[in-house]
Protein backbone atom coordinates (compact mmCIF):
# COMPACT_ATOMS: atom_id res chain seq x y z
CA MET A 1 9.25 100.12 143.65
CA SER A 2 9.83 101.67 147.06
CA SER A 3 6.61 102.24 148.98
CA THR A 4 8.07 104.92 151.24
CA GLU A 5 7.57 108.61 150.68
CA PRO A 6 10.12 110.16 148.29
CA GLU A 7 13.30 111.61 149.75
CA TYR A 8 15.02 112.51 146.48
CA VAL A 9 14.04 114.53 143.43
CA ASP A 10 15.18 114.27 139.83
CA ALA A 11 13.51 117.38 138.43
CA HIS A 12 14.54 116.83 134.80
CA CYS A 13 14.89 113.36 133.33
CA HIS A 14 14.15 111.87 129.90
CA LEU A 15 12.72 108.80 131.56
CA GLU A 16 11.21 107.40 128.36
CA LYS A 17 14.78 106.88 127.11
CA VAL A 18 15.95 105.09 130.25
CA SER A 19 16.43 101.32 129.94
CA GLU A 20 14.14 98.88 131.73
CA GLU A 21 17.04 97.74 133.91
CA ASP A 22 17.80 101.32 134.93
CA LEU A 23 14.11 101.99 135.57
CA GLN A 24 13.99 99.13 138.06
CA ARG A 25 17.14 100.31 139.83
CA THR A 26 15.87 103.90 139.87
CA PHE A 27 12.67 103.05 141.71
CA GLU A 28 14.48 101.03 144.35
CA LEU A 29 15.36 104.53 145.60
CA PRO A 30 12.68 106.67 147.31
CA ILE A 31 12.67 109.14 144.43
CA ILE A 32 10.18 111.30 142.55
CA ILE A 33 10.95 112.20 138.94
CA CYS A 34 9.83 115.01 136.67
CA ALA A 35 9.91 113.17 133.34
CA VAL A 36 10.22 115.47 130.33
CA SER A 37 9.44 114.96 126.64
CA GLU A 38 10.70 116.18 123.27
CA ASP A 39 7.77 115.84 120.88
CA ILE A 40 4.27 114.38 120.58
CA GLU A 41 5.40 110.75 120.49
CA THR A 42 7.77 111.01 123.47
CA SER A 43 5.07 112.93 125.34
CA ARG A 44 2.77 109.94 124.95
CA ARG A 45 5.48 107.59 126.22
CA THR A 46 6.09 109.87 129.20
CA LEU A 47 2.40 109.71 130.08
CA GLU A 48 2.55 105.92 129.89
CA LEU A 49 5.33 105.97 132.51
CA ALA A 50 3.26 108.26 134.73
CA ARG A 51 0.44 105.71 134.56
CA ARG A 52 2.88 102.90 135.30
CA PHE A 53 4.54 104.67 138.23
CA PRO A 54 1.79 106.90 139.67
CA GLY A 55 2.95 109.22 142.41
CA ARG A 56 6.58 108.67 141.42
CA VAL A 57 6.63 110.02 137.84
CA ILE A 58 5.42 113.56 137.23
CA PRO A 59 4.89 113.87 133.44
CA PHE A 60 5.85 116.89 131.39
CA VAL A 61 4.79 116.93 127.74
CA GLY A 62 5.98 119.28 125.05
CA ILE A 63 8.15 120.22 122.09
CA HIS A 64 11.91 120.50 122.73
CA PRO A 65 13.52 123.63 121.20
CA TRP A 66 15.87 121.47 119.12
CA ARG A 67 12.83 119.85 117.48
CA ALA A 68 10.92 123.11 116.99
CA PRO A 69 12.61 124.34 113.76
CA GLN A 70 11.46 121.23 111.88
CA LEU A 71 7.83 121.54 112.97
CA ASP A 72 4.79 123.61 112.13
CA PRO A 73 3.87 125.80 115.13
CA ARG A 74 0.36 124.37 114.92
CA VAL A 75 1.78 121.16 116.40
CA VAL A 76 1.22 122.81 119.79
CA ASP A 77 -2.52 122.30 119.27
CA GLU A 78 -1.89 118.53 119.43
CA LEU A 79 -0.42 118.94 122.90
CA GLU A 80 -3.59 120.19 124.55
CA PRO A 81 -5.17 116.78 125.38
CA LEU A 82 -1.77 115.56 126.57
CA VAL A 83 -1.42 118.57 128.88
CA LYS A 84 -4.85 117.79 130.34
CA GLU A 85 -3.68 114.29 131.25
CA ALA A 86 -0.28 115.46 132.52
CA LYS A 87 -2.04 117.87 134.87
CA LYS A 88 -3.90 114.95 136.51
CA PHE A 89 -0.51 113.60 137.62
CA GLY A 90 0.74 117.02 138.80
CA GLY A 91 2.78 117.70 135.65
CA GLY A 92 2.91 120.32 132.94
CA LEU A 93 4.89 121.28 129.84
CA GLY A 94 8.53 120.42 129.26
CA GLU A 95 11.15 120.25 127.93
CA ILE A 96 10.27 123.51 126.20
CA GLY A 97 12.27 126.62 125.51
CA ILE A 98 14.88 128.28 123.32
CA ASP A 99 18.54 127.59 122.58
CA SER A 100 21.13 129.97 121.11
CA LYS A 101 23.28 127.11 119.73
CA HIS A 102 20.50 125.16 118.02
CA ALA A 103 18.42 127.81 116.31
CA PRO A 104 18.49 127.53 112.50
CA ASP A 105 15.08 129.21 112.62
CA PRO A 106 15.00 131.34 115.81
CA ALA A 107 11.63 132.88 114.97
CA LYS A 108 9.92 129.48 114.81
CA GLN A 109 11.66 128.34 117.99
CA LEU A 110 10.43 131.46 119.80
CA GLU A 111 6.89 131.09 118.42
CA ILE A 112 6.58 127.46 119.53
CA PHE A 113 7.98 128.33 122.97
CA LYS A 114 5.51 131.21 123.33
CA ARG A 115 2.58 129.03 122.27
CA GLN A 116 3.53 126.40 124.81
CA LEU A 117 3.84 129.00 127.57
CA GLU A 118 0.37 130.25 126.67
CA LEU A 119 -0.94 126.69 126.86
CA ALA A 120 0.68 126.25 130.28
CA ALA A 121 -0.86 129.49 131.48
CA SER A 122 -4.32 128.49 130.28
CA TYR A 123 -4.16 125.19 132.20
CA ARG A 124 -2.25 126.68 135.14
CA VAL A 125 0.53 124.09 135.00
CA PRO A 126 4.30 124.46 135.52
CA VAL A 127 6.90 124.43 132.77
CA ASN A 128 10.31 122.76 132.56
CA VAL A 129 12.47 125.16 130.54
CA HIS A 130 15.57 124.72 128.38
CA ALA A 131 17.10 128.17 127.83
CA TYR A 132 20.75 127.65 126.98
CA GLY A 133 22.38 130.98 126.11
CA LEU A 134 19.06 132.83 126.21
CA TRP A 135 18.25 132.81 129.90
CA ARG A 136 17.14 136.44 130.16
CA ILE A 137 14.79 136.19 127.18
CA ALA A 138 13.30 132.95 128.50
CA LEU A 139 12.73 134.43 131.96
CA LYS A 140 11.07 137.50 130.46
CA MET A 141 8.70 135.31 128.45
CA VAL A 142 7.89 133.16 131.51
CA ILE A 143 7.10 136.27 133.55
CA GLU A 144 4.91 137.70 130.78
CA GLU A 145 2.79 134.53 130.74
CA ASP A 146 2.80 134.26 134.56
CA VAL A 147 3.75 130.58 134.78
CA ARG A 148 5.86 128.69 137.31
CA ALA A 149 9.10 127.59 135.70
CA LEU A 150 12.10 125.43 136.42
CA PHE A 151 15.16 126.59 134.47
CA HIS A 152 16.73 123.23 133.74
CA TRP A 153 20.51 122.74 134.22
CA TYR A 154 20.98 126.42 134.94
CA SER A 155 24.31 127.78 133.71
CA GLY A 156 23.32 131.38 133.11
CA PRO A 157 24.46 134.67 134.61
CA ILE A 158 24.88 134.78 138.39
CA ASP A 159 23.04 138.08 138.64
CA LEU A 160 19.96 136.58 136.95
CA ILE A 161 19.49 134.10 139.80
CA ARG A 162 17.98 136.84 141.97
CA ASP A 163 15.53 137.73 139.19
CA ILE A 164 14.53 134.07 138.90
CA GLU A 165 13.93 133.96 142.64
CA ASP A 166 11.90 137.19 142.53
CA ALA A 167 9.75 135.64 139.77
CA GLU A 168 9.06 132.69 142.12
CA CYS A 169 10.74 130.31 139.70
CA PHE A 170 13.38 127.63 140.24
CA ILE A 171 16.75 126.50 138.93
CA GLY A 172 17.90 122.95 138.27
CA LEU A 173 21.29 121.96 139.66
CA ASN A 174 22.63 119.06 137.64
CA VAL A 175 24.55 116.25 139.30
CA CYS A 176 27.56 117.23 137.17
CA GLY A 177 27.81 120.48 139.12
CA THR A 178 30.20 119.16 141.73
CA PHE A 179 32.95 118.35 139.21
CA ALA A 180 32.35 120.96 136.48
CA ALA A 181 33.81 124.30 137.58
CA ARG A 182 31.34 126.57 135.78
CA HIS A 183 28.41 124.70 137.32
CA HIS A 184 30.05 124.66 140.75
CA VAL A 185 29.89 128.47 140.77
CA ILE A 186 26.12 128.27 140.27
CA ILE A 187 25.84 125.90 143.24
CA GLU A 188 27.74 128.33 145.45
CA HIS A 189 25.43 131.24 144.54
CA ALA A 190 22.09 129.44 144.33
CA PRO A 191 19.63 130.15 147.18
CA LEU A 192 18.45 126.82 148.55
CA GLU A 193 14.83 128.00 148.42
CA ILE A 194 14.81 127.82 144.60
CA VAL A 195 16.99 124.75 144.03
CA LEU A 196 15.91 121.43 142.55
CA THR A 197 18.26 118.53 141.81
CA GLU A 198 18.31 116.93 138.37
CA THR A 199 20.22 114.51 136.15
CA ASP A 200 19.02 115.04 132.56
CA SER A 201 19.30 111.25 132.26
CA PRO A 202 20.25 109.41 130.17
CA PHE A 203 22.36 112.23 128.70
CA THR A 204 26.10 111.49 128.45
CA TYR A 205 28.26 114.31 129.84
CA TYR A 206 31.93 114.09 128.85
CA GLY A 207 31.76 110.30 128.76
CA LEU A 208 29.64 109.89 131.88
CA LYS A 209 26.17 108.48 131.26
CA LEU A 210 23.88 110.21 133.73
CA ARG A 211 21.32 108.14 135.65
CA PRO A 212 18.46 109.14 137.96
CA TRP A 213 19.93 107.55 141.10
CA PHE A 214 22.95 109.89 140.83
CA VAL A 215 20.86 112.42 142.78
CA LYS A 216 21.52 110.53 146.02
CA PRO A 217 25.32 111.07 146.19
CA PHE A 218 24.79 114.53 144.68
CA VAL A 219 22.60 115.56 147.61
CA THR A 220 25.33 114.37 149.99
CA LYS A 221 27.91 116.51 148.19
CA LEU A 222 25.53 119.45 147.93
CA SER A 223 24.86 119.39 151.68
CA ARG A 224 28.60 119.62 152.34
CA ILE A 225 29.05 122.51 149.92
CA LYS A 226 26.10 124.39 151.41
CA GLY A 227 27.01 123.53 155.01
CA LEU A 228 23.60 122.05 155.72
CA PRO A 229 22.64 118.69 157.26
CA GLU A 230 21.70 116.26 154.52
CA GLU A 231 18.24 115.47 155.92
CA GLN A 232 17.44 119.17 156.13
CA LEU A 233 18.54 119.69 152.53
CA LYS A 234 16.38 116.78 151.33
CA ARG A 235 13.34 118.27 153.07
CA GLN A 236 14.03 121.66 151.50
CA ILE A 237 14.24 120.17 148.01
CA ILE A 238 10.93 118.33 148.53
CA ARG A 239 9.33 121.61 149.68
CA ASN A 240 10.73 123.32 146.58
CA LEU A 241 9.23 120.60 144.38
CA GLU A 242 5.83 121.11 145.98
CA ARG A 243 6.00 124.87 145.36
CA TYR A 244 7.14 124.34 141.78
CA LEU A 245 4.35 121.89 140.99
CA GLY A 246 1.76 123.77 143.01
CA ARG A 247 0.80 120.45 144.64
CA SER A 248 1.60 118.96 148.03
CA LEU A 249 3.53 115.71 148.13
CA LYS A 250 0.56 114.06 149.87
CA ALA A 251 -1.68 115.08 146.96
CA LEU A 252 0.79 113.63 144.47
CA LEU A 253 1.03 110.37 146.36
CA ARG A 254 -2.77 110.06 146.45
CA VAL A 255 -2.61 109.64 142.65
CA ARG A 256 -1.27 106.12 143.37
CA ARG A 257 -4.48 105.03 145.04
C-alpha cells in the first residue's frame, strides 16, 4: 500500500465486494476510500477493511434502501455498536436512503432511513445517501436531522444542487459522468466546493465494471471540463472530503499509527 498522503478520493465504494487482486491494485494508488455497506453483515466486513487499511478506508455502516423492505425497522438498533466503531475511523452511516424504483414498501424504507439519520445525528457522524428519484425528500430529511450528507451518484434536478450546497452537503460525481450525457450535465453545473469523486465499485454500468482506480483518469477529465489545473482540483476534492467527514486528513492518517 502506498505510504504517501492520499491524492485521490473514491467517496462511495462497496469495497467489501472488491476482489483481493483489485484491492491490491487499488492501494498502489495514493487513494482514500469511503467504503459503504448494505446490511449488518456487510457493515462488519467493511469495518474489517478499515482495520486492515487504517487511514485509507473510511467505513460507513448501514442498511441499503433496497434491503430495507425485507427488514424489521428495529434492525437499526443493531447498527449502534458498529457506528461507534466506524466513527473511530472517521466514518458514519451509508449506504442509506430511499429509492423510488425499489420501494415495494415505501413506508418501511422511509422509516429505516429516518431511524438511521437519527442515529447519525446522535453520534454526530456523516451519512452516505442513496436517493434515486427522491432527492428532494432525502435532502429535506437530512436537513431536519442536521447531519452532513453526501448524495451519492447525484443525478437529480439541477436546481436542487444549490439547496444541497446551502445545506452544507455534498454530491458524488461518478466516474461514468464523462461519457453519460445526463451525468455530464451535472458535472457542468456542480460547484467544485461540494464535489466528491466516486466509483460505486464494483458496480457494472452498461457493461463496464467500475473499479476504484478509475478516479485517477476521471480527475484528469474533470479538470479539463472545469478548466482547472489537475493538482488544484485534487486539493479541492481532498478539502471537500475533510469537510464532509468533519475530520482533517492528518487526523485520519494518524489512525494508522
